[in-house]
Amino acid sequence: RPTAAGLRPLAGNPSPRYPPLARQRGIEGRVVLRLTVNAAGAVEAVGIAQSSGDDLLDQEARLTAARWRFQPLQGRNQAVAQVPITFRLRN
């Protein structure tokens, strides 16, 4: 099964923004996304491998990751990787 080891993100991929309502409510969490990346390096599918427990955080992570791009894959049609995203409030 392909892993994240073969995926190299391109510069300029956006970071997820903290959803304002989640920030206001003091919600933190860690989402693990399951990304399917095609040979050209575009994200074809984004799933939730492990939810943060909050829909706002999960949705923001999914929407952001769908816009990510990676270096084209060498000799593969696609790769699947699990990518953690942590939302942590700063003091």
N, C-alpha and C. Protein backbone atom coordinates (compact mmCIF):
# COMPACT_ATOMS: atom_id res chain seq x y z
N ARG A 1 0.84 -1.19 0.00
CA ARG A 1 0.00 0.00 0.00
C ARG A 1 0.89 1.25 0.00
N PRO A 2 0.68 2.17 -0.93
CA PRO A 2 1.52 3.37 -0.98
C PRO A 2 1.37 4.20 0.28
N THR A 3 2.45 4.87 0.66
CA THR A 3 2.43 5.70 1.87
C THR A 3 2.83 7.11 1.52
N ALA A 4 2.83 7.98 2.51
CA ALA A 4 3.17 9.39 2.32
C ALA A 4 4.64 9.57 1.95
N ALA A 5 5.46 8.54 2.13
CA ALA A 5 6.89 8.67 1.88
C ALA A 5 7.18 9.12 0.45
N GLY A 6 6.35 8.70 -0.50
CA GLY A 6 6.58 9.06 -1.88
C GLY A 6 5.98 10.39 -2.29
N LEU A 7 5.25 11.05 -1.41
CA LEU A 7 4.60 12.32 -1.75
C LEU A 7 5.43 13.49 -1.27
N ARG A 8 5.69 14.41 -2.21
CA ARG A 8 6.44 15.62 -1.85
C ARG A 8 5.57 16.82 -2.18
N PRO A 9 5.11 17.55 -1.16
CA PRO A 9 4.22 18.69 -1.41
C PRO A 9 4.94 19.81 -2.17
N LEU A 10 4.20 20.51 -3.00
CA LEU A 10 4.73 21.66 -3.70
C LEU A 10 4.70 22.88 -2.78
N ALA A 11 5.61 23.80 -3.01
CA ALA A 11 5.64 25.05 -2.23
C ALA A 11 4.35 25.81 -2.50
N GLY A 12 3.86 26.48 -1.47
CA GLY A 12 2.67 27.31 -1.65
C GLY A 12 1.36 26.63 -1.32
N ASN A 13 1.40 25.35 -0.91
CA ASN A 13 0.16 24.72 -0.50
C ASN A 13 -0.40 25.46 0.72
N PRO A 14 -1.70 25.78 0.71
CA PRO A 14 -2.26 26.55 1.83
C PRO A 14 -2.34 25.72 3.11
N SER A 15 -2.24 26.41 4.24
CA SER A 15 -2.47 25.78 5.54
C SER A 15 -3.94 25.97 5.88
N PRO A 16 -4.52 25.02 6.61
CA PRO A 16 -5.91 25.20 7.02
C PRO A 16 -6.03 26.42 7.94
N ARG A 17 -7.10 27.18 7.75
CA ARG A 17 -7.34 28.30 8.66
C ARG A 17 -8.19 27.77 9.81
N TYR A 18 -8.02 28.36 10.96
CA TYR A 18 -8.80 27.94 12.11
C TYR A 18 -10.23 28.44 11.93
N PRO A 19 -11.21 27.56 11.92
CA PRO A 19 -12.59 28.04 11.77
C PRO A 19 -12.95 29.00 12.91
N PRO A 20 -13.43 30.20 12.59
CA PRO A 20 -13.70 31.20 13.63
C PRO A 20 -14.62 30.69 14.74
N LEU A 21 -15.66 29.94 14.38
CA LEU A 21 -16.60 29.46 15.41
C LEU A 21 -15.92 28.44 16.33
N ALA A 22 -15.06 27.60 15.76
CA ALA A 22 -14.33 26.63 16.58
C ALA A 22 -13.37 27.36 17.53
N ARG A 23 -12.71 28.41 17.01
CA ARG A 23 -11.81 29.20 17.85
C ARG A 23 -12.59 29.86 18.99
N GLN A 24 -13.73 30.44 18.64
CA GLN A 24 -14.57 31.11 19.64
C GLN A 24 -15.02 30.14 20.74
N ARG A 25 -15.29 28.92 20.35
CA ARG A 25 -15.76 27.90 21.31
C ARG A 25 -14.61 27.19 22.02
N GLY A 26 -13.37 27.51 21.63
CA GLY A 26 -12.21 26.89 22.28
C GLY A 26 -11.99 25.45 21.88
N ILE A 27 -12.43 25.09 20.69
CA ILE A 27 -12.33 23.70 20.23
C ILE A 27 -10.96 23.46 19.58
N GLU A 28 -10.29 22.40 20.02
CA GLU A 28 -9.03 21.96 19.42
C GLU A 28 -9.22 20.53 18.95
N GLY A 29 -8.34 20.08 18.08
CA GLY A 29 -8.44 18.69 17.65
C GLY A 29 -7.41 18.33 16.61
N ARG A 30 -7.36 17.03 16.32
CA ARG A 30 -6.43 16.49 15.33
C ARG A 30 -7.23 15.63 14.36
N VAL A 31 -7.13 15.96 13.09
CA VAL A 31 -7.80 15.24 12.01
C VAL A 31 -6.74 14.45 11.26
N VAL A 32 -7.03 13.20 10.93
CA VAL A 32 -6.14 12.45 10.05
C VAL A 32 -6.90 12.25 8.74
N LEU A 33 -6.34 12.84 7.67
CA LEU A 33 -6.96 12.75 6.36
C LEU A 33 -6.37 11.60 5.57
N ARG A 34 -7.18 11.04 4.69
CA ARG A 34 -6.71 10.02 3.75
C ARG A 34 -6.77 10.65 2.36
N LEU A 35 -5.60 10.94 1.80
CA LEU A 35 -5.51 11.60 0.51
C LEU A 35 -5.20 10.59 -0.59
N THR A 36 -5.90 10.72 -1.70
CA THR A 36 -5.57 9.98 -2.91
C THR A 36 -5.05 11.00 -3.92
N VAL A 37 -3.79 10.82 -4.33
CA VAL A 37 -3.12 11.77 -5.22
C VAL A 37 -2.86 11.07 -6.56
N ASN A 38 -3.19 11.77 -7.67
CA ASN A 38 -3.00 11.17 -8.99
C ASN A 38 -1.57 11.35 -9.49
N ALA A 39 -1.29 10.78 -10.65
CA ALA A 39 0.08 10.79 -11.20
C ALA A 39 0.61 12.21 -11.42
N ALA A 40 -0.29 13.16 -11.70
CA ALA A 40 0.12 14.55 -11.94
C ALA A 40 0.38 15.31 -10.65
N GLY A 41 0.05 14.71 -9.51
CA GLY A 41 0.28 15.36 -8.21
C GLY A 41 -0.92 16.09 -7.65
N ALA A 42 -2.08 15.94 -8.31
CA ALA A 42 -3.30 16.59 -7.82
C ALA A 42 -4.04 15.65 -6.87
N VAL A 43 -4.69 16.23 -5.88
CA VAL A 43 -5.49 15.45 -4.94
C VAL A 43 -6.81 15.09 -5.61
N GLU A 44 -7.07 13.80 -5.74
CA GLU A 44 -8.31 13.33 -6.36
C GLU A 44 -9.41 13.09 -5.34
N ALA A 45 -9.03 12.68 -4.14
CA ALA A 45 -10.03 12.38 -3.12
C ALA A 45 -9.45 12.67 -1.74
N VAL A 46 -10.33 13.16 -0.87
CA VAL A 46 -9.95 13.43 0.52
C VAL A 46 -10.99 12.78 1.41
N GLY A 47 -10.55 11.90 2.28
CA GLY A 47 -11.44 11.27 3.24
C GLY A 47 -10.93 11.50 4.65
N ILE A 48 -11.78 11.22 5.60
CA ILE A 48 -11.40 11.34 7.01
C ILE A 48 -11.03 9.95 7.51
N ALA A 49 -9.75 9.74 7.80
CA ALA A 49 -9.31 8.47 8.37
C ALA A 49 -9.60 8.45 9.87
N GLN A 50 -9.45 9.63 10.50
CA GLN A 50 -9.75 9.76 11.93
C GLN A 50 -10.26 11.16 12.18
N SER A 51 -11.47 11.27 12.69
CA SER A 51 -12.08 12.57 12.93
C SER A 51 -11.48 13.25 14.16
N SER A 52 -11.53 14.57 14.13
CA SER A 52 -11.13 15.36 15.30
C SER A 52 -12.22 15.33 16.36
N GLY A 53 -13.40 14.90 15.95
CA GLY A 53 -14.55 14.94 16.86
C GLY A 53 -15.37 16.21 16.67
N ASP A 54 -14.92 17.09 15.77
CA ASP A 54 -15.64 18.34 15.52
C ASP A 54 -15.79 18.53 14.01
N ASP A 55 -17.02 18.71 13.55
CA ASP A 55 -17.29 18.85 12.11
C ASP A 55 -16.61 20.07 11.50
N LEU A 56 -16.54 21.18 12.23
CA LEU A 56 -15.92 22.39 11.70
C LEU A 56 -14.44 22.15 11.36
N LEU A 57 -13.72 21.52 12.28
CA LEU A 57 -12.30 21.24 12.06
C LEU A 57 -12.12 20.24 10.93
N ASP A 58 -12.93 19.18 10.93
CA ASP A 58 -12.82 18.16 9.89
C ASP A 58 -13.08 18.76 8.51
N GLN A 59 -14.12 19.59 8.40
CA GLN A 59 -14.47 20.18 7.10
C GLN A 59 -13.37 21.13 6.60
N GLU A 60 -12.84 21.95 7.48
CA GLU A 60 -11.77 22.88 7.07
C GLU A 60 -10.55 22.12 6.59
N ALA A 61 -10.18 21.05 7.30
CA ALA A 61 -9.03 20.25 6.90
C ALA A 61 -9.26 19.63 5.52
N ARG A 62 -10.45 19.07 5.29
CA ARG A 62 -10.76 18.44 4.00
C ARG A 62 -10.74 19.45 2.86
N LEU A 63 -11.38 20.61 3.06
CA LEU A 63 -11.44 21.62 2.00
C LEU A 63 -10.06 22.14 1.64
N THR A 64 -9.21 22.34 2.64
CA THR A 64 -7.86 22.83 2.38
C THR A 64 -7.02 21.78 1.66
N ALA A 65 -7.04 20.55 2.14
CA ALA A 65 -6.22 19.49 1.54
C ALA A 65 -6.62 19.20 0.10
N ALA A 66 -7.88 19.42 -0.24
CA ALA A 66 -8.33 19.18 -1.61
C ALA A 66 -7.64 20.11 -2.60
N ARG A 67 -7.11 21.24 -2.12
CA ARG A 67 -6.43 22.22 -2.98
C ARG A 67 -4.92 22.00 -3.05
N TRP A 68 -4.40 21.06 -2.26
CA TRP A 68 -2.96 20.82 -2.25
C TRP A 68 -2.50 20.18 -3.55
N ARG A 69 -1.22 20.41 -3.86
CA ARG A 69 -0.58 19.80 -5.02
C ARG A 69 0.75 19.20 -4.58
N PHE A 70 1.11 18.11 -5.23
CA PHE A 70 2.35 17.41 -4.93
C PHE A 70 3.16 17.26 -6.20
N GLN A 71 4.45 16.98 -6.05
CA GLN A 71 5.27 16.71 -7.22
C GLN A 71 4.70 15.48 -7.93
N PRO A 72 4.74 15.47 -9.26
CA PRO A 72 4.21 14.31 -10.00
C PRO A 72 4.85 13.00 -9.52
N LEU A 73 4.04 11.97 -9.51
CA LEU A 73 4.50 10.66 -9.04
C LEU A 73 5.39 10.01 -10.10
N GLN A 74 6.38 9.31 -9.66
CA GLN A 74 7.28 8.61 -10.57
C GLN A 74 6.87 7.15 -10.68
N GLY A 75 6.38 6.77 -11.85
CA GLY A 75 6.08 5.37 -12.11
C GLY A 75 4.84 4.83 -11.42
N ARG A 76 3.98 5.71 -10.93
CA ARG A 76 2.74 5.24 -10.29
C ARG A 76 1.57 6.07 -10.82
N ASN A 77 0.41 5.44 -10.88
CA ASN A 77 -0.79 6.16 -11.31
C ASN A 77 -1.38 6.98 -10.17
N GLN A 78 -1.22 6.49 -8.94
CA GLN A 78 -1.73 7.23 -7.79
C GLN A 78 -1.04 6.77 -6.53
N ALA A 79 -1.18 7.58 -5.50
CA ALA A 79 -0.66 7.24 -4.18
C ALA A 79 -1.72 7.59 -3.16
N VAL A 80 -1.74 6.83 -2.07
CA VAL A 80 -2.67 7.09 -0.98
C VAL A 80 -1.83 7.33 0.27
N ALA A 81 -2.16 8.40 0.99
CA ALA A 81 -1.39 8.75 2.18
C ALA A 81 -2.33 9.23 3.27
N GLN A 82 -1.91 9.00 4.51
CA GLN A 82 -2.63 9.55 5.66
C GLN A 82 -1.83 10.73 6.18
N VAL A 83 -2.53 11.86 6.32
CA VAL A 83 -1.88 13.11 6.69
C VAL A 83 -2.58 13.70 7.91
N PRO A 84 -1.86 13.89 9.03
CA PRO A 84 -2.48 14.50 10.22
C PRO A 84 -2.46 16.02 10.13
N ILE A 85 -3.53 16.65 10.59
CA ILE A 85 -3.61 18.10 10.71
C ILE A 85 -4.10 18.41 12.12
N THR A 86 -3.32 19.21 12.82
CA THR A 86 -3.66 19.55 14.21
C THR A 86 -4.12 21.00 14.30
N PHE A 87 -5.26 21.19 14.93
CA PHE A 87 -5.77 22.53 15.24
C PHE A 87 -5.56 22.76 16.72
N ARG A 88 -4.68 23.72 17.04
CA ARG A 88 -4.37 23.99 18.44
C ARG A 88 -4.47 25.49 18.66
N LEU A 89 -5.22 25.89 19.66
CA LEU A 89 -5.33 27.31 20.01
C LEU A 89 -4.04 27.76 20.66
N ARG A 90 -3.58 28.95 20.29
CA ARG A 90 -2.38 29.52 20.89
C ARG A 90 -2.80 30.54 21.94
N ASN A 91 -2.03 30.63 23.02
CA ASN A 91 -2.38 31.60 24.07
C ASN A 91 -2.02 33.00 23.65
